Amino acid sequence: MEKDQLTGRVIGFAIDVHRALGPGLLESTYQQCLAHELHLNGIPFRLEHPMPVEYRGVRLDCGYRIDLLVDDQLILELKAAETVGGIHRAQLLTYMKLSGIRTGLLINFNTQRLTDGIERFKL
C-alpha cells in the first residue's frame, strides 16, 4: 500500500476511534482501539514494537517502544495529553531516524477535534 494512502487510512481510523470514545481516556485505550481498527481492516501492525539503539556497533535494548508500527512503513506515536511538546515531536523523529522509517504520525487523542491533535512527519 502506498505510504500516503496508508497514512490517510490510519488517520481515518483514528478519527473513528476518537468519535466513538471522545477525549479523556488513557493512551493505552486509544492504542488498543486503533489496533483493533487496523486488524478489522486487514492492515498489518505491531504494538509496542521494540526500538533498539545502535551505539558503537552494538544494538542496545534501552526500553524504547514504538506505540504502533503500521505495515513497516508508518510509525504512530500516540498521546492522551493536555499539550504535546517538543519532546514528543523529538521522540517520534528519533524513532523514525533509528528505524529508517520515513513517515510518522503524532496523534494526541486529548482534543475536542482529533484533526487538531494530528501532526504528520516526513524524513
N, C-alpha and C. Protein backbone atom coordinates (compact mmCIF):
# COMPACT_ATOMS: atom_id res chain seq x y z
N MET A 1 0.86 -1.18 0.00
CA MET A 1 0.00 0.00 0.00
C MET A 1 0.89 1.24 0.00
N GLU A 2 0.54 2.23 -0.79
CA GLU A 2 1.30 3.47 -0.87
C GLU A 2 1.27 4.17 0.49
N LYS A 3 2.40 4.78 0.86
CA LYS A 3 2.53 5.39 2.19
C LYS A 3 1.48 6.47 2.45
N ASP A 4 1.26 7.37 1.48
CA ASP A 4 0.31 8.45 1.73
C ASP A 4 -1.11 7.91 1.85
N GLN A 5 -1.44 6.89 1.07
CA GLN A 5 -2.75 6.26 1.19
C GLN A 5 -2.88 5.58 2.55
N LEU A 6 -1.83 4.90 2.98
CA LEU A 6 -1.83 4.25 4.29
C LEU A 6 -2.01 5.29 5.39
N THR A 7 -1.27 6.38 5.32
CA THR A 7 -1.37 7.44 6.33
C THR A 7 -2.79 7.99 6.39
N GLY A 8 -3.39 8.22 5.24
CA GLY A 8 -4.76 8.72 5.20
C GLY A 8 -5.75 7.75 5.82
N ARG A 9 -5.58 6.47 5.54
CA ARG A 9 -6.48 5.47 6.13
C ARG A 9 -6.33 5.41 7.65
N VAL A 10 -5.08 5.44 8.11
CA VAL A 10 -4.83 5.39 9.56
C VAL A 10 -5.42 6.61 10.24
N ILE A 11 -5.29 7.77 9.64
CA ILE A 11 -5.91 8.98 10.21
C ILE A 11 -7.42 8.80 10.29
N GLY A 12 -8.01 8.24 9.26
CA GLY A 12 -9.45 7.97 9.28
C GLY A 12 -9.85 7.04 10.40
N PHE A 13 -9.06 5.98 10.63
CA PHE A 13 -9.36 5.05 11.73
C PHE A 13 -9.22 5.75 13.08
N ALA A 14 -8.19 6.60 13.22
CA ALA A 14 -8.01 7.33 14.48
C ALA A 14 -9.19 8.26 14.73
N ILE A 15 -9.69 8.90 13.68
CA ILE A 15 -10.86 9.76 13.82
C ILE A 15 -12.07 8.95 14.25
N ASP A 16 -12.24 7.76 13.67
CA ASP A 16 -13.35 6.88 14.06
C ASP A 16 -13.27 6.53 15.55
N VAL A 17 -12.07 6.19 16.01
CA VAL A 17 -11.88 5.85 17.43
C VAL A 17 -12.22 7.06 18.29
N HIS A 18 -11.73 8.22 17.91
CA HIS A 18 -11.97 9.43 18.70
C HIS A 18 -13.45 9.79 18.73
N ARG A 19 -14.13 9.64 17.60
CA ARG A 19 -15.57 9.93 17.56
C ARG A 19 -16.34 9.00 18.49
N ALA A 20 -15.92 7.75 18.55
CA ALA A 20 -16.61 6.77 19.39
C ALA A 20 -16.34 6.98 20.87
N LEU A 21 -15.10 7.36 21.21
CA LEU A 21 -14.70 7.42 22.62
C LEU A 21 -14.59 8.84 23.18
N GLY A 22 -14.24 9.81 22.32
CA GLY A 22 -14.01 11.17 22.80
C GLY A 22 -12.69 11.28 23.54
N PRO A 23 -12.37 12.48 24.01
CA PRO A 23 -11.13 12.69 24.76
C PRO A 23 -11.28 12.24 26.21
N GLY A 24 -10.15 12.15 26.91
CA GLY A 24 -10.19 11.94 28.35
C GLY A 24 -9.84 10.55 28.83
N LEU A 25 -9.54 9.62 27.92
CA LEU A 25 -9.18 8.27 28.33
C LEU A 25 -7.66 8.10 28.32
N LEU A 26 -7.21 6.95 28.77
CA LEU A 26 -5.78 6.67 28.78
C LEU A 26 -5.27 6.40 27.37
N GLU A 27 -4.02 6.72 27.14
CA GLU A 27 -3.37 6.47 25.86
C GLU A 27 -3.51 5.01 25.46
N SER A 28 -3.36 4.10 26.41
CA SER A 28 -3.43 2.68 26.10
C SER A 28 -4.79 2.26 25.56
N THR A 29 -5.85 2.94 25.97
CA THR A 29 -7.19 2.65 25.45
C THR A 29 -7.27 2.99 23.97
N TYR A 30 -6.79 4.17 23.61
CA TYR A 30 -6.80 4.58 22.21
C TYR A 30 -5.90 3.66 21.38
N GLN A 31 -4.78 3.27 21.95
CA GLN A 31 -3.85 2.38 21.25
C GLN A 31 -4.52 1.05 20.92
N GLN A 32 -5.18 0.46 21.90
CA GLN A 32 -5.85 -0.83 21.68
C GLN A 32 -6.99 -0.71 20.68
N CYS A 33 -7.75 0.36 20.76
CA CYS A 33 -8.88 0.55 19.84
C CYS A 33 -8.39 0.81 18.42
N LEU A 34 -7.33 1.58 18.27
CA LEU A 34 -6.77 1.82 16.94
C LEU A 34 -6.19 0.53 16.38
N ALA A 35 -5.54 -0.26 17.21
CA ALA A 35 -5.03 -1.56 16.77
C ALA A 35 -6.18 -2.46 16.30
N HIS A 36 -7.29 -2.41 17.00
CA HIS A 36 -8.46 -3.20 16.62
C HIS A 36 -8.97 -2.77 15.24
N GLU A 37 -9.01 -1.46 15.00
CA GLU A 37 -9.43 -0.95 13.68
C GLU A 37 -8.49 -1.44 12.58
N LEU A 38 -7.19 -1.39 12.84
CA LEU A 38 -6.22 -1.87 11.85
C LEU A 38 -6.44 -3.35 11.57
N HIS A 39 -6.65 -4.12 12.61
CA HIS A 39 -6.91 -5.56 12.47
C HIS A 39 -8.16 -5.81 11.64
N LEU A 40 -9.25 -5.12 11.97
CA LEU A 40 -10.51 -5.29 11.24
C LEU A 40 -10.36 -4.97 9.75
N ASN A 41 -9.44 -4.07 9.43
CA ASN A 41 -9.25 -3.64 8.05
C ASN A 41 -8.09 -4.34 7.35
N GLY A 42 -7.53 -5.35 8.00
CA GLY A 42 -6.50 -6.17 7.38
C GLY A 42 -5.17 -5.47 7.15
N ILE A 43 -4.88 -4.48 7.97
CA ILE A 43 -3.61 -3.75 7.85
C ILE A 43 -2.63 -4.30 8.90
N PRO A 44 -1.48 -4.80 8.45
CA PRO A 44 -0.52 -5.35 9.42
C PRO A 44 0.06 -4.26 10.31
N PHE A 45 0.29 -4.64 11.56
CA PHE A 45 0.84 -3.68 12.52
C PHE A 45 1.52 -4.45 13.64
N ARG A 46 2.32 -3.72 14.40
CA ARG A 46 2.94 -4.27 15.61
C ARG A 46 2.72 -3.27 16.74
N LEU A 47 2.27 -3.77 17.85
CA LEU A 47 2.08 -2.95 19.06
C LEU A 47 3.35 -2.95 19.88
N GLU A 48 3.68 -1.79 20.44
CA GLU A 48 4.83 -1.68 21.35
C GLU A 48 6.08 -2.34 20.76
N HIS A 49 6.35 -1.99 19.52
CA HIS A 49 7.49 -2.57 18.79
C HIS A 49 8.80 -2.07 19.39
N PRO A 50 9.72 -2.98 19.78
CA PRO A 50 10.99 -2.57 20.38
C PRO A 50 11.81 -1.71 19.43
N MET A 51 12.41 -0.66 19.97
CA MET A 51 13.25 0.23 19.18
C MET A 51 14.64 0.28 19.82
N PRO A 52 15.53 -0.63 19.39
CA PRO A 52 16.88 -0.63 19.96
C PRO A 52 17.68 0.58 19.50
N VAL A 53 18.73 0.86 20.22
CA VAL A 53 19.64 1.95 19.88
C VAL A 53 20.97 1.33 19.45
N GLU A 54 21.48 1.76 18.30
CA GLU A 54 22.80 1.33 17.85
C GLU A 54 23.83 2.29 18.42
N TYR A 55 24.78 1.73 19.14
CA TYR A 55 25.84 2.57 19.72
C TYR A 55 27.16 1.85 19.54
N ARG A 56 28.06 2.46 18.79
CA ARG A 56 29.39 1.90 18.54
C ARG A 56 29.33 0.45 18.07
N GLY A 57 28.41 0.22 17.13
CA GLY A 57 28.31 -1.10 16.52
C GLY A 57 27.56 -2.14 17.33
N VAL A 58 26.97 -1.73 18.44
CA VAL A 58 26.24 -2.66 19.29
C VAL A 58 24.78 -2.22 19.37
N ARG A 59 23.87 -3.19 19.20
CA ARG A 59 22.44 -2.89 19.35
C ARG A 59 22.07 -3.05 20.82
N LEU A 60 21.57 -1.98 21.42
CA LEU A 60 21.23 -1.97 22.83
C LEU A 60 19.73 -1.81 23.01
N ASP A 61 19.16 -2.68 23.80
CA ASP A 61 17.74 -2.54 24.14
C ASP A 61 17.66 -1.61 25.33
N CYS A 62 17.23 -0.38 25.06
CA CYS A 62 17.15 0.64 26.10
C CYS A 62 15.72 0.83 26.60
N GLY A 63 14.83 -0.04 26.18
CA GLY A 63 13.45 0.02 26.66
C GLY A 63 12.53 0.88 25.82
N TYR A 64 13.02 1.42 24.69
CA TYR A 64 12.15 2.24 23.84
C TYR A 64 11.20 1.34 23.06
N ARG A 65 9.96 1.82 22.91
CA ARG A 65 8.94 1.07 22.19
C ARG A 65 8.16 2.03 21.30
N ILE A 66 7.98 1.62 20.05
CA ILE A 66 7.12 2.36 19.12
C ILE A 66 5.68 1.97 19.46
N ASP A 67 4.82 2.94 19.69
CA ASP A 67 3.43 2.64 20.06
C ASP A 67 2.78 1.71 19.05
N LEU A 68 2.79 2.11 17.79
CA LEU A 68 2.26 1.27 16.71
C LEU A 68 3.14 1.43 15.48
N LEU A 69 3.61 0.32 14.96
CA LEU A 69 4.33 0.30 13.69
C LEU A 69 3.38 -0.31 12.68
N VAL A 70 2.98 0.47 11.68
CA VAL A 70 1.95 0.05 10.74
C VAL A 70 2.59 -0.33 9.41
N ASP A 71 2.40 -1.58 9.04
CA ASP A 71 2.84 -2.11 7.74
C ASP A 71 4.31 -1.83 7.46
N ASP A 72 5.13 -1.78 8.49
CA ASP A 72 6.56 -1.49 8.38
C ASP A 72 6.85 -0.22 7.59
N GLN A 73 5.87 0.70 7.54
CA GLN A 73 6.01 1.92 6.76
C GLN A 73 5.67 3.20 7.53
N LEU A 74 4.99 3.06 8.65
CA LEU A 74 4.45 4.22 9.34
C LEU A 74 4.56 4.03 10.84
N ILE A 75 5.15 5.01 11.51
CA ILE A 75 5.25 4.99 12.97
C ILE A 75 4.16 5.88 13.55
N LEU A 76 3.42 5.35 14.51
CA LEU A 76 2.42 6.13 15.23
C LEU A 76 2.89 6.33 16.65
N GLU A 77 2.98 7.56 17.06
CA GLU A 77 3.25 7.91 18.45
C GLU A 77 1.97 8.50 18.99
N LEU A 78 1.36 7.81 19.92
CA LEU A 78 0.06 8.21 20.45
C LEU A 78 0.21 8.90 21.79
N LYS A 79 -0.62 9.91 21.98
CA LYS A 79 -0.65 10.65 23.24
C LYS A 79 -2.09 10.87 23.66
N ALA A 80 -2.28 11.06 24.94
CA ALA A 80 -3.56 11.50 25.51
C ALA A 80 -3.19 12.55 26.55
N ALA A 81 -2.62 13.63 26.06
CA ALA A 81 -2.04 14.65 26.93
C ALA A 81 -2.73 16.00 26.74
N GLU A 82 -2.64 16.82 27.78
CA GLU A 82 -3.22 18.16 27.68
C GLU A 82 -2.54 18.96 26.57
N THR A 83 -1.21 18.84 26.50
CA THR A 83 -0.47 19.50 25.43
C THR A 83 0.61 18.56 24.92
N VAL A 84 0.96 18.73 23.67
CA VAL A 84 2.06 17.98 23.06
C VAL A 84 3.20 18.96 22.90
N GLY A 85 4.36 18.56 23.40
CA GLY A 85 5.51 19.45 23.37
C GLY A 85 6.59 18.99 22.43
N GLY A 86 7.64 19.76 22.39
CA GLY A 86 8.78 19.46 21.54
C GLY A 86 9.41 18.11 21.82
N ILE A 87 9.38 17.69 23.07
CA ILE A 87 9.98 16.39 23.41
C ILE A 87 9.22 15.25 22.75
N HIS A 88 7.90 15.39 22.60
CA HIS A 88 7.11 14.35 21.94
C HIS A 88 7.43 14.30 20.45
N ARG A 89 7.60 15.46 19.84
CA ARG A 89 7.97 15.52 18.42
C ARG A 89 9.37 14.94 18.23
N ALA A 90 10.28 15.29 19.12
CA ALA A 90 11.65 14.78 19.04
C ALA A 90 11.68 13.26 19.19
N GLN A 91 10.85 12.74 20.08
CA GLN A 91 10.78 11.29 20.28
C GLN A 91 10.38 10.59 18.98
N LEU A 92 9.33 11.08 18.34
CA LEU A 92 8.89 10.47 17.08
C LEU A 92 9.97 10.59 16.01
N LEU A 93 10.55 11.75 15.87
CA LEU A 93 11.61 11.93 14.86
C LEU A 93 12.80 11.02 15.12
N THR A 94 13.15 10.83 16.38
CA THR A 94 14.25 9.93 16.72
C THR A 94 13.90 8.49 16.36
N TYR A 95 12.69 8.05 16.66
CA TYR A 95 12.27 6.71 16.28
C TYR A 95 12.33 6.53 14.77
N MET A 96 11.91 7.56 14.04
CA MET A 96 11.94 7.49 12.58
C MET A 96 13.38 7.35 12.08
N LYS A 97 14.30 8.13 12.64
CA LYS A 97 15.70 8.07 12.22
C LYS A 97 16.32 6.72 12.57
N LEU A 98 16.08 6.24 13.79
CA LEU A 98 16.67 4.98 14.23
C LEU A 98 16.15 3.79 13.43
N SER A 99 14.89 3.84 13.03
CA SER A 99 14.28 2.72 12.33
C SER A 99 14.43 2.80 10.81
N GLY A 100 14.72 3.99 10.29
CA GLY A 100 14.78 4.17 8.85
C GLY A 100 13.41 4.33 8.21
N ILE A 101 12.39 4.44 9.03
CA ILE A 101 11.03 4.64 8.52
C ILE A 101 10.81 6.13 8.35
N ARG A 102 10.40 6.53 7.17
CA ARG A 102 10.41 7.94 6.80
C ARG A 102 9.11 8.70 7.08
N THR A 103 8.07 8.01 7.54
CA THR A 103 6.79 8.66 7.78
C THR A 103 6.32 8.36 9.20
N GLY A 104 5.82 9.39 9.88
CA GLY A 104 5.31 9.20 11.24
C GLY A 104 4.13 10.12 11.52
N LEU A 105 3.30 9.67 12.41
CA LEU A 105 2.17 10.48 12.88
C LEU A 105 2.26 10.60 14.39
N LEU A 106 2.12 11.82 14.88
CA LEU A 106 1.97 12.09 16.30
C LEU A 106 0.49 12.43 16.49
N ILE A 107 -0.20 11.58 17.25
CA ILE A 107 -1.65 11.74 17.42
C ILE A 107 -1.96 11.94 18.89
N ASN A 108 -2.53 13.10 19.22
CA ASN A 108 -2.96 13.39 20.58
C ASN A 108 -4.49 13.26 20.64
N PHE A 109 -4.96 12.25 21.33
CA PHE A 109 -6.40 11.98 21.43
C PHE A 109 -7.11 12.89 22.43
N ASN A 110 -6.36 13.67 23.19
CA ASN A 110 -6.98 14.52 24.20
C ASN A 110 -7.31 15.90 23.61
N THR A 111 -8.09 15.90 22.54
CA THR A 111 -8.53 17.12 21.89
C THR A 111 -10.01 17.00 21.58
N GLN A 112 -10.69 18.11 21.43
CA GLN A 112 -12.11 18.07 21.07
C GLN A 112 -12.29 17.58 19.64
N ARG A 113 -11.45 18.08 18.72
CA ARG A 113 -11.44 17.62 17.33
C ARG A 113 -10.11 16.94 17.08
N LEU A 114 -10.14 15.69 16.74
CA LEU A 114 -8.88 14.95 16.60
C LEU A 114 -7.97 15.56 15.54
N THR A 115 -8.54 16.13 14.49
CA THR A 115 -7.69 16.70 13.45
C THR A 115 -6.77 17.79 14.02
N ASP A 116 -7.17 18.42 15.11
CA ASP A 116 -6.31 19.41 15.77
C ASP A 116 -5.15 18.76 16.52
N GLY A 117 -5.23 17.46 16.75
CA GLY A 117 -4.21 16.75 17.52
C GLY A 117 -3.32 15.85 16.67
N ILE A 118 -3.37 15.99 15.35
CA ILE A 118 -2.57 15.13 14.47
C ILE A 118 -1.48 15.95 13.80
N GLU A 119 -0.25 15.43 13.89
CA GLU A 119 0.88 16.02 13.19
C GLU A 119 1.56 14.93 12.37
N ARG A 120 1.82 15.24 11.10
CA ARG A 120 2.46 14.30 10.19
C ARG A 120 3.92 14.70 10.01
N PHE A 121 4.81 13.73 10.03
CA PHE A 121 6.25 13.97 9.87
C PHE A 121 6.78 13.11 8.73
N LYS A 122 7.69 13.70 7.95
CA LYS A 122 8.36 13.01 6.85
C LYS A 122 9.85 13.30 6.95
N LEU A 123 10.65 12.29 6.76
CA LEU A 123 12.11 12.49 6.72
C LEU A 123 12.57 12.58 5.28
